[in-house]
N, C-alpha and C. Protein backbone atom coordinates (compact mmCIF):
# COMPACT_ATOMS: atom_id res chain seq x y z
N MET A 1 111.99 135.98 -8.27
CA MET A 1 110.76 136.04 -7.54
C MET A 1 110.90 135.37 -6.17
N TYR A 2 111.46 134.18 -6.13
CA TYR A 2 111.68 133.48 -4.86
C TYR A 2 113.17 133.52 -4.52
N PRO A 3 113.51 133.55 -3.24
CA PRO A 3 114.93 133.64 -2.89
C PRO A 3 115.72 132.39 -3.26
N TRP A 4 115.10 131.22 -3.29
CA TRP A 4 115.79 130.00 -3.65
C TRP A 4 115.14 129.42 -4.90
N PRO A 5 115.91 128.72 -5.69
CA PRO A 5 115.26 128.06 -6.82
C PRO A 5 114.32 126.97 -6.32
N MET A 6 113.24 126.77 -6.99
CA MET A 6 112.24 125.76 -6.62
C MET A 6 111.60 126.06 -5.27
N MET A 7 111.46 127.32 -4.93
CA MET A 7 110.86 127.66 -3.65
C MET A 7 109.37 127.94 -3.81
N GLY A 8 108.78 127.37 -4.81
CA GLY A 8 107.35 127.49 -4.98
C GLY A 8 106.66 126.51 -4.05
N TRP A 9 105.63 125.89 -4.49
CA TRP A 9 104.87 124.95 -3.67
C TRP A 9 105.74 123.75 -3.29
N LEU A 10 106.49 123.22 -4.25
CA LEU A 10 107.32 122.05 -3.98
C LEU A 10 108.47 122.37 -3.04
N GLY A 11 109.06 123.53 -3.17
CA GLY A 11 110.13 123.92 -2.26
C GLY A 11 109.65 124.13 -0.84
N GLY A 12 108.49 124.71 -0.69
CA GLY A 12 107.91 124.88 0.63
C GLY A 12 107.59 123.55 1.27
N PHE A 13 107.14 122.60 0.47
CA PHE A 13 106.85 121.27 0.98
C PHE A 13 108.14 120.57 1.42
N GLY A 14 109.22 120.77 0.69
CA GLY A 14 110.51 120.19 1.08
C GLY A 14 111.01 120.76 2.39
N LEU A 15 110.78 122.06 2.59
CA LEU A 15 111.16 122.69 3.85
C LEU A 15 110.33 122.12 5.00
N PHE A 16 109.05 121.90 4.75
CA PHE A 16 108.18 121.29 5.75
C PHE A 16 108.64 119.88 6.09
N VAL A 17 108.99 119.10 5.10
CA VAL A 17 109.46 117.73 5.33
C VAL A 17 110.76 117.73 6.13
N ALA A 18 111.66 118.64 5.81
CA ALA A 18 112.92 118.72 6.55
C ALA A 18 112.68 119.11 8.00
N LEU A 19 111.79 120.05 8.24
CA LEU A 19 111.47 120.45 9.60
C LEU A 19 110.79 119.32 10.36
N PHE A 20 109.89 118.62 9.70
CA PHE A 20 109.21 117.47 10.31
C PHE A 20 110.21 116.37 10.67
N ALA A 21 111.16 116.10 9.79
CA ALA A 21 112.18 115.09 10.06
C ALA A 21 113.05 115.50 11.25
N LEU A 22 113.37 116.76 11.35
CA LEU A 22 114.17 117.25 12.47
C LEU A 22 113.42 117.08 13.80
N VAL A 23 112.13 117.37 13.81
CA VAL A 23 111.32 117.19 15.02
C VAL A 23 111.22 115.72 15.38
N CYS A 24 111.06 114.85 14.39
CA CYS A 24 110.99 113.41 14.66
C CYS A 24 112.28 112.88 15.26
N VAL A 25 113.40 113.32 14.75
CA VAL A 25 114.70 112.89 15.29
C VAL A 25 114.87 113.40 16.72
N ALA A 26 114.47 114.63 16.98
CA ALA A 26 114.58 115.19 18.33
C ALA A 26 113.69 114.42 19.31
N LEU A 27 112.49 114.06 18.90
CA LEU A 27 111.61 113.29 19.78
C LEU A 27 112.14 111.88 20.01
N PHE A 28 112.77 111.29 19.01
CA PHE A 28 113.36 109.96 19.20
C PHE A 28 114.53 110.03 20.18
N ILE A 29 115.32 111.08 20.09
CA ILE A 29 116.42 111.25 21.05
C ILE A 29 115.87 111.45 22.45
N LEU A 30 114.78 112.21 22.59
CA LEU A 30 114.13 112.36 23.89
C LEU A 30 113.67 111.01 24.41
N TRP A 31 113.11 110.17 23.55
CA TRP A 31 112.65 108.83 23.95
C TRP A 31 113.82 107.99 24.46
N VAL A 32 114.94 108.03 23.76
CA VAL A 32 116.12 107.26 24.18
C VAL A 32 116.61 107.74 25.54
N VAL A 33 116.65 109.04 25.76
CA VAL A 33 117.08 109.59 27.04
C VAL A 33 116.12 109.18 28.16
N MET A 34 114.83 109.17 27.88
CA MET A 34 113.84 108.78 28.90
C MET A 34 113.94 107.29 29.21
N VAL A 35 114.21 106.45 28.22
CA VAL A 35 114.39 105.02 28.49
C VAL A 35 115.63 104.81 29.36
N LEU A 36 116.71 105.50 29.05
CA LEU A 36 117.92 105.37 29.87
C LEU A 36 117.69 105.87 31.29
N ASP A 37 116.94 106.95 31.43
CA ASP A 37 116.62 107.46 32.76
C ASP A 37 115.77 106.46 33.53
N CYS A 38 114.83 105.83 32.85
CA CYS A 38 113.96 104.84 33.51
C CYS A 38 114.75 103.61 33.94
N VAL A 39 115.71 103.21 33.14
CA VAL A 39 116.53 102.05 33.49
C VAL A 39 117.43 102.36 34.69
N LYS A 40 117.99 103.55 34.74
CA LYS A 40 118.92 103.91 35.80
C LYS A 40 118.24 104.28 37.11
N ARG A 41 117.04 104.84 37.05
CA ARG A 41 116.35 105.33 38.24
C ARG A 41 115.63 104.18 38.94
N ASP A 42 115.64 104.19 40.26
CA ASP A 42 114.97 103.14 41.03
C ASP A 42 113.72 103.72 41.68
N PHE A 43 112.53 103.33 41.18
CA PHE A 43 111.26 103.79 41.74
C PHE A 43 110.23 102.67 41.58
N PRO A 44 109.14 102.71 42.33
CA PRO A 44 108.20 101.58 42.38
C PRO A 44 107.57 101.22 41.03
N GLU A 45 107.25 102.17 40.19
CA GLU A 45 106.59 101.88 38.92
C GLU A 45 107.58 101.72 37.76
N ARG A 46 108.79 101.39 38.08
CA ARG A 46 109.83 101.34 37.05
C ARG A 46 109.54 100.32 35.96
N SER A 47 109.13 99.13 36.31
CA SER A 47 108.89 98.10 35.30
C SER A 47 107.70 98.46 34.42
N ALA A 48 106.67 99.07 34.99
CA ALA A 48 105.51 99.48 34.19
C ALA A 48 105.90 100.58 33.21
N TRP A 49 106.66 101.57 33.66
CA TRP A 49 107.06 102.65 32.77
C TRP A 49 108.03 102.15 31.70
N LEU A 50 108.90 101.23 32.06
CA LEU A 50 109.81 100.68 31.07
C LEU A 50 109.03 99.92 30.00
N ALA A 51 108.02 99.15 30.41
CA ALA A 51 107.18 98.45 29.44
C ALA A 51 106.42 99.43 28.55
N ILE A 52 105.89 100.49 29.15
CA ILE A 52 105.17 101.50 28.36
C ILE A 52 106.11 102.15 27.34
N LEU A 53 107.31 102.50 27.78
CA LEU A 53 108.25 103.14 26.87
C LEU A 53 108.68 102.21 25.75
N LEU A 54 108.91 100.94 26.05
CA LEU A 54 109.37 100.02 25.02
C LEU A 54 108.24 99.62 24.06
N ILE A 55 107.06 99.38 24.58
CA ILE A 55 105.93 99.02 23.72
C ILE A 55 105.55 100.20 22.83
N SER A 56 105.70 101.40 23.35
CA SER A 56 105.35 102.58 22.55
C SER A 56 106.19 102.69 21.28
N LEU A 57 107.39 102.15 21.29
CA LEU A 57 108.22 102.16 20.09
C LEU A 57 107.59 101.31 18.99
N PHE A 58 107.01 100.18 19.36
CA PHE A 58 106.45 99.27 18.36
C PHE A 58 105.10 99.73 17.81
N VAL A 59 104.38 100.54 18.57
CA VAL A 59 103.11 101.06 18.08
C VAL A 59 103.26 102.49 17.55
N ASN A 60 104.51 102.93 17.41
CA ASN A 60 104.85 104.23 16.84
C ASN A 60 104.26 105.40 17.63
N MET A 61 104.22 105.26 18.93
CA MET A 61 103.78 106.35 19.80
C MET A 61 104.88 106.68 20.81
N TYR A 62 106.13 106.46 20.41
CA TYR A 62 107.26 106.69 21.31
C TYR A 62 107.33 108.14 21.76
N TRP A 63 106.96 109.05 20.91
CA TRP A 63 107.01 110.47 21.25
C TRP A 63 106.04 110.80 22.38
N LEU A 64 104.85 110.20 22.35
CA LEU A 64 103.87 110.46 23.39
C LEU A 64 104.32 109.86 24.73
N ALA A 65 104.84 108.64 24.70
CA ALA A 65 105.31 108.00 25.93
C ALA A 65 106.49 108.76 26.53
N ALA A 66 107.39 109.26 25.69
CA ALA A 66 108.55 110.01 26.19
C ALA A 66 108.11 111.32 26.84
N ILE A 67 107.16 112.01 26.23
CA ILE A 67 106.68 113.27 26.80
C ILE A 67 105.93 113.00 28.11
N LEU A 68 105.10 111.95 28.14
CA LEU A 68 104.39 111.61 29.37
C LEU A 68 105.34 111.24 30.49
N TYR A 69 106.36 110.44 30.19
CA TYR A 69 107.35 110.07 31.21
C TYR A 69 108.06 111.32 31.72
N TYR A 70 108.42 112.20 30.82
CA TYR A 70 109.12 113.41 31.23
C TYR A 70 108.25 114.26 32.15
N VAL A 71 106.99 114.43 31.80
CA VAL A 71 106.10 115.29 32.58
C VAL A 71 105.69 114.61 33.89
N LEU A 72 105.33 113.34 33.85
CA LEU A 72 104.77 112.67 35.02
C LEU A 72 105.81 112.12 35.99
N ILE A 73 106.95 111.72 35.51
CA ILE A 73 107.95 111.09 36.38
C ILE A 73 109.15 112.00 36.60
N ARG A 74 109.77 112.41 35.55
CA ARG A 74 111.05 113.11 35.69
C ARG A 74 110.90 114.50 36.31
N THR A 75 109.92 115.29 35.91
CA THR A 75 109.82 116.65 36.44
C THR A 75 109.06 116.72 37.76
N LYS A 76 108.06 115.89 37.97
CA LYS A 76 107.28 115.97 39.20
C LYS A 76 107.98 115.35 40.39
N ASN A 77 108.88 114.42 40.17
CA ASN A 77 109.51 113.70 41.27
C ASN A 77 110.99 114.05 41.41
N VAL A 78 111.32 115.27 41.12
CA VAL A 78 112.73 115.66 41.16
C VAL A 78 113.31 115.54 42.56
N GLY A 79 112.63 116.04 43.57
CA GLY A 79 113.17 115.99 44.93
C GLY A 79 112.80 114.75 45.70
N ARG A 80 111.80 114.02 45.26
CA ARG A 80 111.31 112.88 46.02
C ARG A 80 111.94 111.55 45.60
N MET A 81 112.42 111.44 44.40
CA MET A 81 113.00 110.19 43.94
C MET A 81 114.52 110.29 43.97
N PRO A 82 115.17 109.17 44.20
CA PRO A 82 116.64 109.22 44.15
C PRO A 82 117.10 109.49 42.72
N PRO A 83 118.21 110.18 42.57
CA PRO A 83 118.71 110.45 41.22
C PRO A 83 119.15 109.17 40.54
N PRO A 84 119.25 109.17 39.22
CA PRO A 84 119.72 107.97 38.53
C PRO A 84 121.12 107.58 38.97
N LYS A 85 121.35 106.27 38.99
CA LYS A 85 122.69 105.79 39.33
C LYS A 85 123.65 106.08 38.20
N ALA A 86 124.87 106.35 38.55
CA ALA A 86 125.87 106.66 37.53
C ALA A 86 126.38 105.44 36.84
């Protein structure tokens, strides 16, 4: 009936949990990349953004802070800010 054994309600839930875990890991990697970008890049609000990114880890909102940093800092200021130092 189902292509995999235990692919009833419990199997579908396991697939959902695996997909959710994959998304969480991807967002955490995005957060790490954004923290490294914030540390390397020199701009006026650097200390505020670094504090936001680090505090967001402790209140479990790291994914939101990483997405906001990406949208507000990294993509909007591509030509106006100096690139990160190597």
